[in-house]
Structure formats: structure tokens, C-alpha cells
Amino acid sequence: MNYKREVIDIPNGKGEIIRFQMNDQNSLTGQNMKDLGEILNEIKADNSKRGIILTTDNPKFFCNGLDAENLLSTSRDKLMDEVGGIVVLFGELVKFDKPLITEVTGHAMGGGAVITVASDFKYMLDGKGRIGFTEVNVGLPLPGSFIDRIKMCVDPRYWAEVCLEGTTYKGAEAKKIGLIDEIAPTPEEVRKIALKKLETLSKIPSAAYRSTKNTLNAALIANLEQYKKDTIKSFEQPGVVDNLLEAMTALKEKRRPVFK
């Protein structure tokens, strides 16, 4: 089971805590991203559920991005479906119009950062874990939908290093630039902050919250389909697939990649 779901009582209804437990690094595959999208849509349609918290019990990794083993075992003609799954999942996260809170208690690289930035409120453990959009460092152009979202929260002075360098940040650094809303010294304190926020948000009339959130994200949502098309085109650029596979192979072999 990739996700452990726990229903909790909150004011005016129920909430869910969804724990990632995909593998030892909580890495993403086309299938487990599709599964999470289906869970989001199920909760979205359930009027008794007021919001969710995304988290993990893994002490080292919140989500370490795309699964290298899975990509290397996927045929080239199916590779776009696997890689593009994170763009589809991002769209489902942004369209999830109930409260969405993420607890980053370990590394959140690539897809992990994407899931985090798509959330309404983002809390991080002030420890060794880092967060960053490392796509460019494995040869993948950063999709426009991710960049639009980054611009909604990150201080403009840091857009270039976040997007173009794939810089990774510890909790305090991520908070400084706006990528994370708050940090806490222990996982228990992170949970305390997240639960308090979910309880506060659940007291807001649901229709008002959902409508306002959809309006807040309207421009991004309107462009999701175009961004998916743009991502496919960028993936077809010479060298992109070769560089991605080289990066995944180097990761598996624990060496530095040699890009074209």
C-alpha cells in the first residue's frame, strides 16, 4: 500500500492524514501518482471530509521525486507517461479545493517539492532534510505550471536559483525565501502546527473556502492543459531523454552524471 489513510475528527466534520509509504525513499511512479490523484478526487467529492494533511512516517524522506529504478525499467516510448505523471498529479493537487496541508519531515526533492508547493500551507522539520526543484539537475526542463506556483510563494529574488539552479534548502532557508510557511524543531511540533491549521480552516464555511481557493488558483488551473502540452514538447527536445536516463543511471551507480 503506497498510502496509509487515517480519518480524524475536526470541527464541522472529518479530516484525513495521508502518509506516504511508497518505498524507502517515498519515490514516485506513474501508478502511485495516479493513485494519489484518485484519493484526492475521492476526498474532494466527500462532503463529510473538510481537508487533508500529507505526511510520512519515513524519518529521512518525505518524497524523493521520481523513482530511478522505475524510469530505467520503462521503455522509451512509455517514459513520458511516467515522467509526465507529476504534471498531472500537480494539476489534481491544485484543483483540490479543500484545505491541503503538507508536513515536510524529510528530504523533498523534485516531485516532493512539487507536491509541497501545490499545498495551501507548508510546514517543515528544521533538521537535515532539504527541499528543492532539482528537475534541471537531472536534465528535465521545469514545467510552466510549477514555475507559476513557485512565483506565487517564493520571493522574486530567488526565482532564478530555485528554478534554474535547482538549489536545495534546509527548513530555515526554505522559510526565508517563502517556499515553506513555518518550521518546527520536532515532527511532533510540525504535526501540532498542521493540525491547528486544519482545525482553524475547517471552521470556515466550506463553500466560501472552496470558491475562494478556486478563484485564487484560477489562472493556473486555466493553463494546466496547455502546460501539459508544453511539457510533452520540452521532453521531445534533443538530449532530454538521454540526459534523464544518464542522471538516473548515475544515481543508481552512485556517481556523477555525464550529460550531453
Protein backbone atom coordinates (compact mmCIF):
# COMPACT_ATOMS: atom_id res chain seq x y z
CA MET A 1 0.00 0.00 0.00
CA ASN A 2 1.52 3.32 -1.11
CA TYR A 3 -0.57 5.50 1.17
CA LYS A 4 -1.79 4.99 4.72
CA ARG A 5 -5.01 6.90 5.35
CA GLU A 6 -6.21 7.99 8.78
CA VAL A 7 -9.56 9.70 9.31
CA ILE A 8 -9.58 12.23 12.14
CA ASP A 9 -12.25 14.33 13.84
CA ILE A 10 -12.02 18.08 13.30
CA PRO A 11 -14.56 20.88 13.80
CA ASN A 12 -17.56 20.57 11.46
CA GLY A 13 -16.60 17.18 10.07
CA LYS A 14 -13.70 14.85 9.34
CA GLY A 15 -10.20 15.26 8.04
CA GLU A 16 -7.63 12.83 6.67
CA ILE A 17 -3.96 12.33 7.34
CA ILE A 18 -2.37 10.66 4.31
CA ARG A 19 1.03 9.12 4.95
CA PHE A 20 3.39 8.38 2.07
CA GLN A 21 4.89 4.88 2.28
CA MET A 22 5.85 4.07 -1.32
CA ASN A 23 9.38 2.72 -0.69
CA ASP A 24 12.49 3.59 1.31
CA GLN A 25 12.72 7.00 -0.37
CA ASN A 26 9.00 7.55 -0.97
CA SER A 27 9.75 7.92 -4.67
CA LEU A 28 7.12 8.44 -7.35
CA THR A 29 5.93 6.22 -10.19
CA GLY A 30 3.21 6.80 -12.75
CA GLN A 31 0.95 4.40 -10.87
CA ASN A 32 1.37 5.73 -7.34
CA MET A 33 0.93 9.31 -8.60
CA LYS A 34 -2.30 8.24 -10.30
CA ASP A 35 -3.38 6.56 -7.06
CA LEU A 36 -2.86 9.76 -5.08
CA GLY A 37 -4.82 11.75 -7.65
CA GLU A 38 -7.72 9.32 -7.25
CA ILE A 39 -7.59 9.68 -3.45
CA LEU A 40 -7.70 13.47 -3.79
CA ASN A 41 -10.74 13.31 -6.04
CA GLU A 42 -12.49 10.87 -3.71
CA ILE A 43 -12.00 13.21 -0.73
CA LYS A 44 -12.94 16.22 -2.83
CA ALA A 45 -16.33 14.61 -3.58
CA ASP A 46 -16.97 13.58 0.04
CA ASN A 47 -18.84 16.39 1.79
CA SER A 48 -18.00 14.98 5.22
CA LYS A 49 -14.26 15.49 4.63
CA ARG A 50 -13.05 19.03 5.29
CA GLY A 51 -9.36 18.78 4.39
CA ILE A 52 -6.18 16.71 4.41
CA ILE A 53 -2.62 16.59 5.70
CA LEU A 54 0.07 14.96 3.54
CA THR A 55 2.94 13.48 5.54
CA THR A 56 5.09 10.40 6.12
CA ASP A 57 6.49 8.31 8.94
CA ASN A 58 9.74 7.91 6.98
CA PRO A 59 12.37 9.71 9.12
CA LYS A 60 14.59 10.61 6.16
CA PHE A 61 12.44 11.15 3.07
CA PHE A 62 9.14 12.98 2.66
CA CYS A 63 9.27 12.30 -1.08
CA ASN A 64 12.46 11.99 -3.10
CA GLY A 65 10.94 12.61 -6.53
CA LEU A 66 10.70 10.23 -9.47
CA ASP A 67 11.72 6.62 -8.91
CA ALA A 68 15.04 5.97 -10.69
CA GLU A 69 14.60 2.19 -10.88
CA ASN A 70 11.15 2.59 -12.36
CA LEU A 71 12.33 5.05 -15.02
CA LEU A 72 15.27 2.86 -16.02
CA SER A 73 12.99 -0.16 -16.43
CA THR A 74 10.44 1.77 -18.53
CA SER A 75 10.64 1.61 -22.32
CA ARG A 76 11.46 4.92 -24.02
CA ASP A 77 8.05 5.10 -25.70
CA LYS A 78 6.36 4.92 -22.26
CA LEU A 79 8.78 7.20 -20.44
CA MET A 80 6.78 10.37 -20.99
CA ASP A 81 3.77 8.81 -19.27
CA GLU A 82 5.88 8.13 -16.18
CA VAL A 83 7.64 11.48 -16.09
CA GLY A 84 4.52 13.41 -17.06
CA GLY A 85 2.62 11.85 -14.19
CA ILE A 86 3.97 14.51 -11.83
CA VAL A 87 2.49 17.26 -14.04
CA VAL A 88 -0.88 15.50 -13.95
CA LEU A 89 -0.66 15.00 -10.17
CA PHE A 90 0.28 18.64 -9.68
CA GLY A 91 -2.90 19.60 -11.54
CA GLU A 92 -5.01 17.39 -9.25
CA LEU A 93 -3.37 18.94 -6.19
CA VAL A 94 -4.03 22.48 -7.39
CA LYS A 95 -7.64 21.62 -8.27
CA PHE A 96 -8.21 20.07 -4.84
CA ASP A 97 -10.29 22.91 -3.45
CA LYS A 98 -10.42 21.88 0.20
CA PRO A 99 -7.67 22.67 2.73
CA LEU A 100 -4.43 20.92 1.76
CA ILE A 101 -1.55 20.95 4.23
CA THR A 102 1.87 19.32 3.83
CA GLU A 103 4.32 18.27 6.52
CA VAL A 104 7.85 18.04 5.13
CA THR A 105 9.70 15.97 7.73
CA GLY A 106 12.46 14.71 5.44
CA HIS A 107 14.00 15.33 2.03
CA ALA A 108 11.58 16.69 -0.59
CA MET A 109 13.39 16.72 -3.91
CA GLY A 110 11.90 17.22 -7.37
CA GLY A 111 8.41 15.73 -7.15
CA GLY A 112 8.47 16.09 -3.38
CA ALA A 113 8.94 19.83 -3.74
CA VAL A 114 6.19 19.90 -6.39
CA ILE A 115 3.71 18.27 -4.02
CA THR A 116 4.73 20.66 -1.26
CA VAL A 117 4.40 23.86 -3.26
CA ALA A 118 0.98 22.79 -4.56
CA SER A 119 -0.34 22.78 -0.99
CA ASP A 120 -2.14 25.65 0.71
CA PHE A 121 0.06 25.55 3.79
CA LYS A 122 3.53 24.02 4.03
CA TYR A 123 5.38 23.15 7.25
CA MET A 124 8.86 21.68 7.52
CA LEU A 125 11.01 20.00 10.13
CA ASP A 126 14.02 22.15 11.00
CA GLY A 127 16.54 19.34 10.59
CA LYS A 128 18.78 17.74 7.98
CA GLY A 129 16.06 17.41 5.33
CA ARG A 130 16.25 19.58 2.23
CA ILE A 131 13.71 20.72 -0.34
CA GLY A 132 14.35 21.76 -3.92
CA PHE A 133 13.18 21.65 -7.53
CA THR A 134 16.04 19.52 -8.81
CA GLU A 135 14.49 18.77 -12.21
CA VAL A 136 17.05 20.80 -14.19
CA ASN A 137 19.86 18.91 -12.49
CA VAL A 138 18.62 15.62 -13.96
CA GLY A 139 18.09 17.12 -17.41
CA LEU A 140 14.37 17.92 -17.21
CA PRO A 141 13.01 21.36 -18.14
CA LEU A 142 10.89 22.69 -15.27
CA PRO A 143 7.21 22.75 -16.35
CA GLY A 144 5.50 26.13 -16.57
CA SER A 145 2.80 25.11 -14.09
CA PHE A 146 5.43 24.51 -11.41
CA ILE A 147 7.09 27.84 -12.16
CA ASP A 148 3.78 29.70 -11.92
CA ARG A 149 3.18 28.18 -8.50
CA ILE A 150 6.70 28.94 -7.32
CA LYS A 151 6.11 32.57 -8.28
CA MET A 152 3.02 32.61 -6.05
CA CYS A 153 5.02 31.93 -2.90
CA VAL A 154 8.77 32.37 -3.36
CA ASP A 155 10.38 35.82 -3.06
CA PRO A 156 11.14 37.01 -6.64
CA ARG A 157 14.81 37.49 -5.75
CA TYR A 158 15.14 33.71 -5.50
CA TRP A 159 13.21 32.59 -8.60
CA ALA A 160 16.38 32.09 -10.64
CA GLU A 161 18.22 29.93 -8.12
CA VAL A 162 15.09 27.91 -7.31
CA CYS A 163 14.18 27.23 -10.95
CA LEU A 164 17.43 27.48 -12.93
CA GLU A 165 19.93 26.08 -10.44
CA GLY A 166 17.78 23.55 -8.65
CA THR A 167 19.09 24.85 -5.33
CA THR A 168 18.11 22.80 -2.29
CA TYR A 169 17.23 24.36 1.05
CA LYS A 170 17.08 23.36 4.68
CA GLY A 171 13.97 24.31 6.60
CA ALA A 172 15.04 27.76 7.82
CA GLU A 173 16.38 28.66 4.37
CA ALA A 174 13.17 27.49 2.70
CA LYS A 175 11.12 29.60 5.10
CA LYS A 176 13.30 32.65 4.42
CA ILE A 177 12.59 32.58 0.69
CA GLY A 178 8.87 31.77 1.08
CA LEU A 179 8.96 28.16 -0.10
CA ILE A 180 7.90 26.96 3.37
CA ASP A 181 5.44 28.74 5.67
CA GLU A 182 6.74 27.62 9.05
CA ILE A 183 9.34 25.32 10.59
CA ALA A 184 9.40 23.37 13.85
CA PRO A 185 12.14 21.53 15.77
CA THR A 186 10.43 18.11 16.01
CA PRO A 187 7.98 16.06 13.93
CA GLU A 188 5.53 16.32 16.82
CA GLU A 189 5.67 20.12 16.68
CA VAL A 190 5.21 20.06 12.91
CA ARG A 191 2.09 17.92 13.43
CA LYS A 192 0.82 20.27 16.11
CA ILE A 193 1.06 23.23 13.73
CA ALA A 194 -0.57 21.31 10.89
CA LEU A 195 -3.48 20.06 12.99
CA LYS A 196 -4.10 23.50 14.44
CA LYS A 197 -4.21 24.99 10.93
CA LEU A 198 -6.56 22.25 9.64
CA GLU A 199 -8.88 22.77 12.59
CA THR A 200 -8.90 26.52 12.02
CA LEU A 201 -9.63 26.14 8.31
CA SER A 202 -12.42 23.64 8.96
CA LYS A 203 -14.33 26.34 10.83
CA ILE A 204 -14.51 28.47 7.68
CA PRO A 205 -17.71 27.81 5.68
CA SER A 206 -16.70 25.16 3.16
CA ALA A 207 -18.39 26.75 0.14
CA ALA A 208 -16.63 30.05 0.78
CA TYR A 209 -13.22 28.40 1.18
CA ARG A 210 -13.56 26.24 -1.90
CA SER A 211 -14.82 29.03 -4.12
CA THR A 212 -12.12 31.42 -2.95
CA LYS A 213 -9.36 28.83 -3.41
CA ASN A 214 -10.56 28.09 -6.95
CA THR A 215 -10.52 31.81 -7.73
CA LEU A 216 -7.04 32.17 -6.24
CA ASN A 217 -5.77 29.38 -8.48
CA ALA A 218 -7.97 30.19 -11.49
CA ALA A 219 -5.23 31.46 -13.81
CA LEU A 220 -3.01 28.46 -13.10
CA ILE A 221 -5.86 25.97 -13.48
CA ALA A 222 -6.89 27.56 -16.78
CA ASN A 223 -3.41 26.92 -18.19
CA LEU A 224 -2.92 23.33 -16.96
CA GLU A 225 -3.79 21.67 -20.28
CA GLN A 226 -1.50 23.97 -22.23
CA TYR A 227 1.30 23.35 -19.75
CA LYS A 228 0.89 19.59 -20.24
CA LYS A 229 1.28 20.06 -23.98
CA ASP A 230 4.31 22.29 -23.45
CA THR A 231 5.86 19.66 -21.17
CA ILE A 232 5.49 16.99 -23.84
CA LYS A 233 7.18 19.26 -26.38
CA SER A 234 10.05 20.04 -24.00
CA PHE A 235 10.51 16.33 -23.33
CA GLU A 236 10.95 15.77 -27.06
CA GLN A 237 13.87 18.19 -27.29
CA PRO A 238 17.18 16.57 -28.30
CA GLY A 239 19.10 15.20 -25.35
CA VAL A 240 16.36 15.47 -22.71
CA VAL A 241 15.58 11.75 -22.50
CA ASP A 242 19.24 10.73 -22.77
CA ASN A 243 20.24 13.14 -20.01
CA LEU A 244 17.41 11.97 -17.76
CA LEU A 245 18.38 8.32 -18.17
CA GLU A 246 22.04 9.17 -17.57
CA ALA A 247 21.08 11.01 -14.39
CA MET A 248 19.01 8.06 -13.14
CA THR A 249 21.80 5.60 -14.01
CA ALA A 250 24.38 7.75 -12.22
CA LEU A 251 22.08 7.95 -9.19
CA LYS A 252 21.77 4.18 -9.14
CA GLU A 253 25.52 3.71 -9.58
CA LYS A 254 26.31 6.45 -7.03
CA ARG A 255 28.45 8.55 -9.38
CA ARG A 256 28.30 11.93 -11.06
CA PRO A 257 26.32 12.03 -14.31
CA VAL A 258 27.97 12.88 -17.62
CA PHE A 259 25.47 14.91 -19.61
CA LYS A 260 25.39 15.58 -23.33
